[in-house]
Amino acid sequence: MSSKPPKVLDSLRVRVRRLQFIVGMGFLSLVVGSVLTVSLTVRLSERVQGMQVEPLRVLIAIVLEHLWVLGVLPVMCYGAARILELRPLSTSLGAAFSGQLFVFALSFVRDGFEGLWAGWFYTSLRVIAFSAGVFLSHRAVVRGRAAAAQGAAKAQKQAEERKAEYMEFLKDAERGAEKSAQREAERAAAAASVGGAAVASAPAVESTAPAMGATVEPAAPSAASPEAPAETKAPTAEG
């Protein structure tokens, strides 16, 4: 029972943060879109006023007015979906309605209720442009999630390939270590066999050699030896 409240609070925090992110994305897209709209309106005002076709001018005005939801918001949704796990419908609707609420608030503060209603034709075009922006944002989130999944699959595939390369390199290293150990063992065995043969031949050599430290006595001279000194006779009485 004690583990349930933290899980509920964690899920609630995640939802609140996601809602804040969606609302912030809608407001940011409105700000960026408004800056772009003002810049394009200043550059295209002379050309638009010189057009003789009225529906075309109205269409350009509607597009410039809803540039934040037709162009800026889909781009932001696509970029955010590449990083975060966003739901297409809730993200597109939440961000679009957040920005539109700011637009309504500004129009109401500036023109009152007249700024919220501009006739059936112009209001219908506004609704169509807003709906098109929501659709584009929805598709942007779907494509962003698909691109993120594809990138994750590609990264996983590359990781598996690198893992296979590392495993093959490790196997080669183990094989090299085994061969080196086998060579060392063969060298040790050869050295041991040579040492054993030297030890086996050592007693035979030592038996023929005189013992170290033994003195060799000279042989006694024989009687027949010419080198033996002559015996001196004792002098007689006569002599």
C-alpha atoms as a PDB file:
ATOM      1  CA  MET A   1       0.000   0.000   0.000  1.00  0.00           C
ATOM      2  CA  SER A   2       2.889   2.358   0.683  1.00  0.00           C
ATOM      3  CA  SER A   3       4.345   1.923  -2.819  1.00  0.00           C
ATOM      4  CA  LYS A   4       1.194   3.036  -4.676  1.00  0.00           C
ATOM      5  CA  PRO A   5       1.110   6.766  -3.772  1.00  0.00           C
ATOM      6  CA  PRO A   6       4.643   7.482  -5.096  1.00  0.00           C
ATOM      7  CA  LYS A   7       3.802   5.770  -8.410  1.00  0.00           C
ATOM      8  CA  VAL A   8       0.612   7.828  -8.720  1.00  0.00           C
ATOM      9  CA  LEU A   9       2.502  11.019  -7.920  1.00  0.00           C
ATOM     10  CA  ASP A  10       5.227  10.164 -10.446  1.00  0.00           C
ATOM     11  CA  SER A  11       2.690   9.584 -13.219  1.00  0.00           C
ATOM     12  CA  LEU A  12       0.916  12.816 -12.259  1.00  0.00           C
ATOM     13  CA  ARG A  13       4.193  14.723 -12.374  1.00  0.00           C
ATOM     14  CA  VAL A  14       4.981  13.315 -15.799  1.00  0.00           C
ATOM     15  CA  ARG A  15       1.577  14.393 -17.102  1.00  0.00           C
ATOM     16  CA  VAL A  16       1.921  17.871 -15.628  1.00  0.00           C
ATOM     17  CA  ARG A  17       5.379  18.320 -17.143  1.00  0.00           C
ATOM     18  CA  ARG A  18       4.129  17.081 -20.494  1.00  0.00           C
ATOM     19  CA  LEU A  19       1.228  19.538 -20.344  1.00  0.00           C
ATOM     20  CA  GLN A  20       3.593  22.370 -19.480  1.00  0.00           C
ATOM     21  CA  PHE A  21       5.839  21.425 -22.371  1.00  0.00           C
ATOM     22  CA  ILE A  22       2.920  21.346 -24.816  1.00  0.00           C
ATOM     23  CA  VAL A  23       1.560  24.700 -23.635  1.00  0.00           C
ATOM     24  CA  GLY A  24       5.032  26.233 -23.802  1.00  0.00           C
ATOM     25  CA  MET A  25       5.552  24.867 -27.302  1.00  0.00           C
ATOM     26  CA  GLY A  26       2.271  26.421 -28.449  1.00  0.00           C
ATOM     27  CA  PHE A  27       3.165  29.788 -26.929  1.00  0.00           C
ATOM     28  CA  LEU A  28       6.690  29.696 -28.375  1.00  0.00           C
ATOM     29  CA  SER A  29       5.400  28.809 -31.832  1.00  0.00           C
ATOM     30  CA  LEU A  30       2.983  31.746 -31.625  1.00  0.00           C
ATOM     31  CA  VAL A  31       5.781  34.156 -30.705  1.00  0.00           C
ATOM     32  CA  VAL A  32       8.113  32.933 -33.445  1.00  0.00           C
ATOM     33  CA  GLY A  33       5.264  32.846 -35.956  1.00  0.00           C
ATOM     34  CA  SER A  34       4.227  36.386 -35.076  1.00  0.00           C
ATOM     35  CA  VAL A  35       7.753  37.646 -35.673  1.00  0.00           C
ATOM     36  CA  LEU A  36       7.882  35.908 -39.044  1.00  0.00           C
ATOM     37  CA  THR A  37       4.410  37.180 -39.921  1.00  0.00           C
ATOM     38  CA  VAL A  38       5.342  40.781 -39.217  1.00  0.00           C
ATOM     39  CA  SER A  39       8.552  40.462 -41.219  1.00  0.00           C
ATOM     40  CA  LEU A  40       6.807  38.884 -44.225  1.00  0.00           C
ATOM     41  CA  THR A  41       3.907  41.328 -44.043  1.00  0.00           C
ATOM     42  CA  VAL A  42       6.269  44.298 -44.241  1.00  0.00           C
ATOM     43  CA  ARG A  43       8.023  42.798 -47.258  1.00  0.00           C
ATOM     44  CA  LEU A  44       4.893  41.658 -49.103  1.00  0.00           C
ATOM     45  CA  SER A  45       2.523  44.511 -48.248  1.00  0.00           C
ATOM     46  CA  GLU A  46       3.155  46.468 -51.442  1.00  0.00           C
ATOM     47  CA  ARG A  47       2.843  43.402 -53.686  1.00  0.00           C
ATOM     48  CA  VAL A  48      -0.312  42.176 -51.963  1.00  0.00           C
ATOM     49  CA  GLN A  49      -1.999  45.572 -52.182  1.00  0.00           C
ATOM     50  CA  GLY A  50      -1.207  45.740 -55.881  1.00  0.00           C
ATOM     51  CA  MET A  51      -3.028  42.479 -56.601  1.00  0.00           C
ATOM     52  CA  GLN A  52      -6.338  42.813 -58.431  1.00  0.00           C
ATOM     53  CA  VAL A  53      -7.707  39.433 -57.259  1.00  0.00           C
ATOM     54  CA  GLU A  54      -9.388  39.841 -53.889  1.00  0.00           C
ATOM     55  CA  PRO A  55      -9.620  36.104 -52.907  1.00  0.00           C
ATOM     56  CA  LEU A  56      -5.875  35.740 -53.410  1.00  0.00           C
ATOM     57  CA  ARG A  57      -5.148  38.638 -51.098  1.00  0.00           C
ATOM     58  CA  VAL A  58      -7.501  37.177 -48.477  1.00  0.00           C
ATOM     59  CA  LEU A  59      -5.801  33.781 -48.800  1.00  0.00           C
ATOM     60  CA  ILE A  60      -2.353  35.316 -48.343  1.00  0.00           C
ATOM     61  CA  ALA A  61      -3.586  37.278 -45.326  1.00  0.00           C
ATOM     62  CA  ILE A  62      -5.029  34.113 -43.734  1.00  0.00           C
ATOM     63  CA  VAL A  63      -1.809  32.189 -44.323  1.00  0.00           C
ATOM     64  CA  LEU A  64       0.321  34.959 -42.843  1.00  0.00           C
ATOM     65  CA  GLU A  65      -2.025  35.288 -39.878  1.00  0.00           C
ATOM     66  CA  HIS A  66      -1.836  31.537 -39.123  1.00  0.00           C
ATOM     67  CA  LEU A  67       1.807  31.052 -40.047  1.00  0.00           C
ATOM     68  CA  TRP A  68       2.562  30.032 -36.464  1.00  0.00           C
ATOM     69  CA  VAL A  69       0.235  27.027 -36.650  1.00  0.00           C
ATOM     70  CA  LEU A  70       0.773  26.194 -40.320  1.00  0.00           C
ATOM     71  CA  GLY A  71       4.562  26.329 -40.387  1.00  0.00           C
ATOM     72  CA  VAL A  72       6.246  26.962 -37.043  1.00  0.00           C
ATOM     73  CA  LEU A  73       4.252  24.554 -34.858  1.00  0.00           C
ATOM     74  CA  PRO A  74       4.674  21.504 -37.150  1.00  0.00           C
ATOM     75  CA  VAL A  75       8.423  22.075 -37.245  1.00  0.00           C
ATOM     76  CA  MET A  76       8.587  22.273 -33.456  1.00  0.00           C
ATOM     77  CA  CYS A  77       6.400  19.193 -33.074  1.00  0.00           C
ATOM     78  CA  TYR A  78       8.645  17.230 -35.408  1.00  0.00           C
ATOM     79  CA  GLY A  79      11.795  18.282 -33.548  1.00  0.00           C
ATOM     80  CA  ALA A  80      10.266  17.545 -30.141  1.00  0.00           C
ATOM     81  CA  ALA A  81       8.954  14.146 -31.271  1.00  0.00           C
ATOM     82  CA  ARG A  82      12.490  13.175 -32.342  1.00  0.00           C
ATOM     83  CA  ILE A  83      13.597  13.560 -28.717  1.00  0.00           C
ATOM     84  CA  LEU A  84      10.544  12.920 -26.533  1.00  0.00           C
ATOM     85  CA  GLU A  85       7.779  10.342 -26.618  1.00  0.00           C
ATOM     86  CA  LEU A  86       4.834  12.580 -27.503  1.00  0.00           C
ATOM     87  CA  ARG A  87       1.302  11.568 -28.374  1.00  0.00           C
ATOM     88  CA  PRO A  88       0.324  12.900 -31.803  1.00  0.00           C
ATOM     89  CA  LEU A  89      -3.271  13.928 -31.103  1.00  0.00           C
ATOM     90  CA  SER A  90      -2.861  15.396 -27.624  1.00  0.00           C
ATOM     91  CA  THR A  91       0.332  17.209 -28.588  1.00  0.00           C
ATOM     92  CA  SER A  92      -1.042  18.774 -31.775  1.00  0.00           C
ATOM     93  CA  LEU A  93      -4.369  19.760 -30.249  1.00  0.00           C
ATOM     94  CA  GLY A  94      -2.870  20.981 -26.970  1.00  0.00           C
ATOM     95  CA  ALA A  95      -0.177  23.120 -28.585  1.00  0.00           C
ATOM     96  CA  ALA A  96      -2.518  24.539 -31.240  1.00  0.00           C
ATOM     97  CA  PHE A  97      -5.286  25.442 -28.791  1.00  0.00           C
ATOM     98  CA  SER A  98      -2.760  26.936 -26.357  1.00  0.00           C
ATOM     99  CA  GLY A  99      -1.467  29.263 -29.045  1.00  0.00           C
ATOM    100  CA  GLN A 100      -4.972  30.066 -30.250  1.00  0.00           C
ATOM    101  CA  LEU A 101      -6.081  30.979 -26.739  1.00  0.00           C
ATOM    102  CA  PHE A 102      -3.271  33.541 -26.604  1.00  0.00           C
ATOM    103  CA  VAL A 103      -4.423  34.880 -29.979  1.00  0.00           C
ATOM    104  CA  PHE A 104      -8.012  35.200 -28.702  1.00  0.00           C
ATOM    105  CA  ALA A 105      -6.781  36.928 -25.537  1.00  0.00           C
ATOM    106  CA  LEU A 106      -4.773  39.469 -27.533  1.00  0.00           C
ATOM    107  CA  SER A 107      -7.649  40.085 -29.937  1.00  0.00           C
ATOM    108  CA  PHE A 108     -10.103  40.533 -27.070  1.00  0.00           C
ATOM    109  CA  VAL A 109      -7.819  42.967 -25.251  1.00  0.00           C
ATOM    110  CA  ARG A 110      -7.224  44.950 -28.446  1.00  0.00           C
ATOM    111  CA  ASP A 111     -10.670  44.972 -30.153  1.00  0.00           C
ATOM    112  CA  GLY A 112     -13.069  43.422 -27.646  1.00  0.00           C
ATOM    113  CA  PHE A 113     -15.688  40.946 -28.905  1.00  0.00           C
ATOM    114  CA  GLU A 114     -15.445  42.360 -32.410  1.00  0.00           C
ATOM    115  CA  GLY A 115     -11.910  41.016 -32.660  1.00  0.00           C
ATOM    116  CA  LEU A 116     -13.159  37.481 -32.011  1.00  0.00           C
ATOM    117  CA  TRP A 117     -15.720  37.469 -34.814  1.00  0.00           C
ATOM    118  CA  ALA A 118     -14.949  38.738 -38.321  1.00  0.00           C
ATOM    119  CA  GLY A 119     -17.936  37.381 -40.259  1.00  0.00           C
ATOM    120  CA  TRP A 120     -18.802  33.921 -41.498  1.00  0.00           C
ATOM    121  CA  PHE A 121     -16.476  33.895 -44.460  1.00  0.00           C
ATOM    122  CA  TYR A 122     -13.349  35.149 -42.747  1.00  0.00           C
ATOM    123  CA  THR A 123     -14.042  33.116 -39.590  1.00  0.00           C
ATOM    124  CA  SER A 124     -14.541  29.978 -41.678  1.00  0.00           C
ATOM    125  CA  LEU A 125     -11.198  30.549 -43.352  1.00  0.00           C
ATOM    126  CA  ARG A 126      -9.627  30.955 -39.937  1.00  0.00           C
ATOM    127  CA  VAL A 127     -11.110  27.669 -38.761  1.00  0.00           C
ATOM    128  CA  ILE A 128      -9.915  25.896 -41.907  1.00  0.00           C
ATOM    129  CA  ALA A 129      -6.388  27.291 -41.485  1.00  0.00           C
ATOM    130  CA  PHE A 130      -6.348  26.314 -37.809  1.00  0.00           C
ATOM    131  CA  SER A 131      -7.576  22.792 -38.613  1.00  0.00           C
ATOM    132  CA  ALA A 132      -4.923  22.457 -41.315  1.00  0.00           C
ATOM    133  CA  GLY A 133      -2.269  23.489 -38.801  1.00  0.00           C
ATOM    134  CA  VAL A 134      -3.485  20.882 -36.311  1.00  0.00           C
ATOM    135  CA  PHE A 135      -3.387  18.213 -39.020  1.00  0.00           C
ATOM    136  CA  LEU A 136       0.134  19.202 -40.067  1.00  0.00           C
ATOM    137  CA  SER A 137       1.267  19.173 -36.443  1.00  0.00           C
ATOM    138  CA  HIS A 138      -0.265  15.721 -35.946  1.00  0.00           C
ATOM    139  CA  ARG A 139       1.546  14.380 -39.015  1.00  0.00           C
ATOM    140  CA  ALA A 140       4.764  16.030 -37.835  1.00  0.00           C
ATOM    141  CA  VAL A 141       4.583  14.227 -34.488  1.00  0.00           C
ATOM    142  CA  VAL A 142       3.885  10.890 -36.212  1.00  0.00           C
ATOM    143  CA  ARG A 143       6.808  11.335 -38.596  1.00  0.00           C
ATOM    144  CA  GLY A 144       9.044  12.514 -35.796  1.00  0.00           C
ATOM    145  CA  ARG A 145       8.302   9.415 -33.730  1.00  0.00           C
ATOM    146  CA  ALA A 146       8.852   7.197 -36.780  1.00  0.00           C
ATOM    147  CA  ALA A 147      12.179   8.884 -37.480  1.00  0.00           C
ATOM    148  CA  ALA A 148      13.177   8.502 -33.815  1.00  0.00           C
ATOM    149  CA  ALA A 149      12.283   4.796 -33.865  1.00  0.00           C
ATOM    150  CA  GLN A 150      14.229   4.327 -37.088  1.00  0.00           C
ATOM    151  CA  GLY A 151      17.215   6.112 -35.613  1.00  0.00           C
ATOM    152  CA  ALA A 152      17.027   3.994 -32.455  1.00  0.00           C
ATOM    153  CA  ALA A 153      16.858   0.799 -34.536  1.00  0.00           C
ATOM    154  CA  LYS A 154      19.825   1.949 -36.603  1.00  0.00           C
ATOM    155  CA  ALA A 155      21.800   2.780 -33.484  1.00  0.00           C
ATOM    156  CA  GLN A 156      20.941  -0.604 -31.967  1.00  0.00           C
ATOM    157  CA  LYS A 157      22.021  -2.351 -35.160  1.00  0.00           C
ATOM    158  CA  GLN A 158      25.328  -0.468 -35.139  1.00  0.00           C
ATOM    159  CA  ALA A 159      25.791  -1.357 -31.478  1.00  0.00           C
ATOM    160  CA  GLU A 160      25.179  -5.036 -32.236  1.00  0.00           C
ATOM    161  CA  GLU A 161      27.656  -4.915 -35.117  1.00  0.00           C
ATOM    162  CA  ARG A 162      30.265  -3.290 -32.902  1.00  0.00           C
ATOM    163  CA  LYS A 163      29.557  -5.864 -30.204  1.00  0.00           C
ATOM    164  CA  ALA A 164      30.093  -8.657 -32.741  1.00  0.00           C
ATOM    165  CA  GLU A 165      33.357  -7.026 -33.828  1.00  0.00           C
ATOM    166  CA  TYR A 166      34.488  -6.747 -30.212  1.00  0.00           C
ATOM    167  CA  MET A 167      33.601 -10.393 -29.567  1.00  0.00           C
ATOM    168  CA  GLU A 168      35.555 -11.471 -32.649  1.00  0.00           C
ATOM    169  CA  PHE A 169      38.504  -9.358 -31.538  1.00  0.00           C
ATOM    170  CA  LEU A 170      38.282 -10.909 -28.059  1.00  0.00           C
ATOM    171  CA  LYS A 171      38.227 -14.401 -29.547  1.00  0.00           C
ATOM    172  CA  ASP A 172      41.282 -13.587 -31.670  1.00  0.00           C
ATOM    173  CA  ALA A 173      43.048 -12.253 -28.591  1.00  0.00           C
ATOM    174  CA  GLU A 174      42.185 -15.415 -26.643  1.00  0.00           C
ATOM    175  CA  ARG A 175      43.448 -17.567 -29.488  1.00  0.00           C
ATOM    176  CA  GLY A 176      46.677 -15.592 -29.604  1.00  0.00           C
ATOM    177  CA  ALA A 177      47.083 -15.951 -25.830  1.00  0.00           C
ATOM    178  CA  GLU A 178      46.479 -19.715 -26.055  1.00  0.00           C
ATOM    179  CA  LYS A 179      49.058 -20.052 -28.839  1.00  0.00           C
ATOM    180  CA  SER A 180      51.571 -17.991 -26.853  1.00  0.00           C
ATOM    181  CA  ALA A 181      50.981 -20.113 -23.738  1.00  0.00           C
ATOM    182  CA  GLN A 182      51.387 -23.298 -25.813  1.00  0.00           C
ATOM    183  CA  ARG A 183      54.677 -22.019 -27.230  1.00  0.00           C
ATOM    184  CA  GLU A 184      55.924 -21.161 -23.763  1.00  0.00           C
ATOM    185  CA  ALA A 185      54.950 -24.628 -22.538  1.00  0.00           C
ATOM    186  CA  GLU A 186      56.792 -26.245 -25.453  1.00  0.00           C
ATOM    187  CA  ARG A 187      59.884 -24.147 -24.730  1.00  0.00           C
ATOM    188  CA  ALA A 188      59.732 -25.067 -21.041  1.00  0.00           C
ATOM    189  CA  ALA A 189      59.381 -28.762 -21.896  1.00  0.00           C
ATOM    190  CA  ALA A 190      62.310 -28.581 -24.310  1.00  0.00           C
ATOM    191  CA  ALA A 191      64.445 -26.821 -21.709  1.00  0.00           C
ATOM    192  CA  ALA A 192      63.477 -29.414 -19.100  1.00  0.00           C
ATOM    193  CA  SER A 193      64.422 -32.310 -21.409  1.00  0.00           C
ATOM    194  CA  VAL A 194      67.818 -30.738 -22.175  1.00  0.00           C
ATOM    195  CA  GLY A 195      68.469 -30.185 -18.478  1.00  0.00           C
ATOM    196  CA  GLY A 196      67.539 -33.806 -17.672  1.00  0.00           C
ATOM    197  CA  ALA A 197      69.962 -35.145 -20.300  1.00  0.00           C
ATOM    198  CA  ALA A 198      72.757 -32.983 -18.871  1.00  0.00           C
ATOM    199  CA  VAL A 199      72.084 -34.256 -15.352  1.00  0.00           C
ATOM    200  CA  ALA A 200      72.105 -37.904 -16.552  1.00  0.00           C
ATOM    201  CA  SER A 201      75.517 -37.538 -18.249  1.00  0.00           C
ATOM    202  CA  ALA A 202      77.167 -35.727 -15.330  1.00  0.00           C
ATOM    203  CA  PRO A 203      78.036 -38.841 -13.094  1.00  0.00           C
ATOM    204  CA  ALA A 204      79.909 -40.619 -15.901  1.00  0.00           C
ATOM    205  CA  VAL A 205      82.112 -37.612 -16.410  1.00  0.00           C
ATOM    206  CA  GLU A 206      82.718 -37.203 -12.701  1.00  0.00           C
ATOM    207  CA  SER A 207      83.727 -40.905 -12.295  1.00  0.00           C
ATOM    208  CA  THR A 208      86.660 -40.519 -14.696  1.00  0.00           C
ATOM    209  CA  ALA A 209      87.933 -37.301 -13.208  1.00  0.00           C
ATOM    210  CA  PRO A 210      89.930 -37.290 -10.006  1.00  0.00           C
ATOM    211  CA  ALA A 211      88.242 -36.247  -6.934  1.00  0.00           C
ATOM    212  CA  MET A 212      88.599 -32.592  -6.151  1.00  0.00           C
ATOM    213  CA  GLY A 213      90.978 -31.959  -3.262  1.00  0.00           C
ATOM    214  CA  ALA A 214      92.697 -35.409  -3.391  1.00  0.00           C
ATOM    215  CA  THR A 215      96.540 -35.453  -3.373  1.00  0.00           C
ATOM    216  CA  VAL A 216      98.458 -37.724  -5.701  1.00  0.00           C
ATOM    217  CA  GLU A 217     101.353 -39.532  -3.902  1.00  0.00           C
ATOM    218  CA  PRO A 218     104.550 -40.190  -5.896  1.00  0.00           C
ATOM    219  CA  ALA A 219     105.351 -43.827  -6.650  1.00  0.00           C
ATOM    220  CA  ALA A 220     108.196 -45.542  -4.729  1.00  0.00           C
ATOM    221  CA  PRO A 221     111.327 -46.061  -6.817  1.00  0.00           C
ATOM    222  CA  SER A 222     112.061 -49.654  -7.738  1.00  0.00           C
ATOM    223  CA  ALA A 223     115.334 -51.505  -7.230  1.00  0.00           C
ATOM    224  CA  ALA A 224     115.948 -51.982 -10.900  1.00  0.00           C
ATOM    225  CA  SER A 225     115.495 -48.370 -11.613  1.00  0.00           C
ATOM    226  CA  PRO A 226     118.688 -46.783 -12.864  1.00  0.00           C
ATOM    227  CA  GLU A 227     117.732 -43.584 -11.248  1.00  0.00           C
ATOM    228  CA  ALA A 228     117.844 -45.152  -7.791  1.00  0.00           C
ATOM    229  CA  PRO A 229     120.850 -43.920  -5.755  1.00  0.00           C
ATOM    230  CA  ALA A 230     123.678 -46.463  -5.078  1.00  0.00           C
ATOM    231  CA  GLU A 231     124.009 -47.869  -1.552  1.00  0.00           C
ATOM    232  CA  THR A 232     127.027 -46.580   0.313  1.00  0.00           C
ATOM    233  CA  LYS A 233     129.092 -49.224   1.934  1.00  0.00           C
ATOM    234  CA  ALA A 234     130.313 -48.799   5.422  1.00  0.00           C
ATOM    235  CA  PRO A 235     134.052 -48.255   5.635  1.00  0.00           C
ATOM    236  CA  THR A 236     136.035 -51.296   6.756  1.00  0.00           C
ATOM    237  CA  ALA A 237     138.647 -51.482   9.415  1.00  0.00           C
ATOM    238  CA  GLU A 238     141.425 -51.916   6.930  1.00  0.00           C
ATOM    239  CA  GLY A 239     140.753 -48.859   5.188  1.00  0.00           C
END
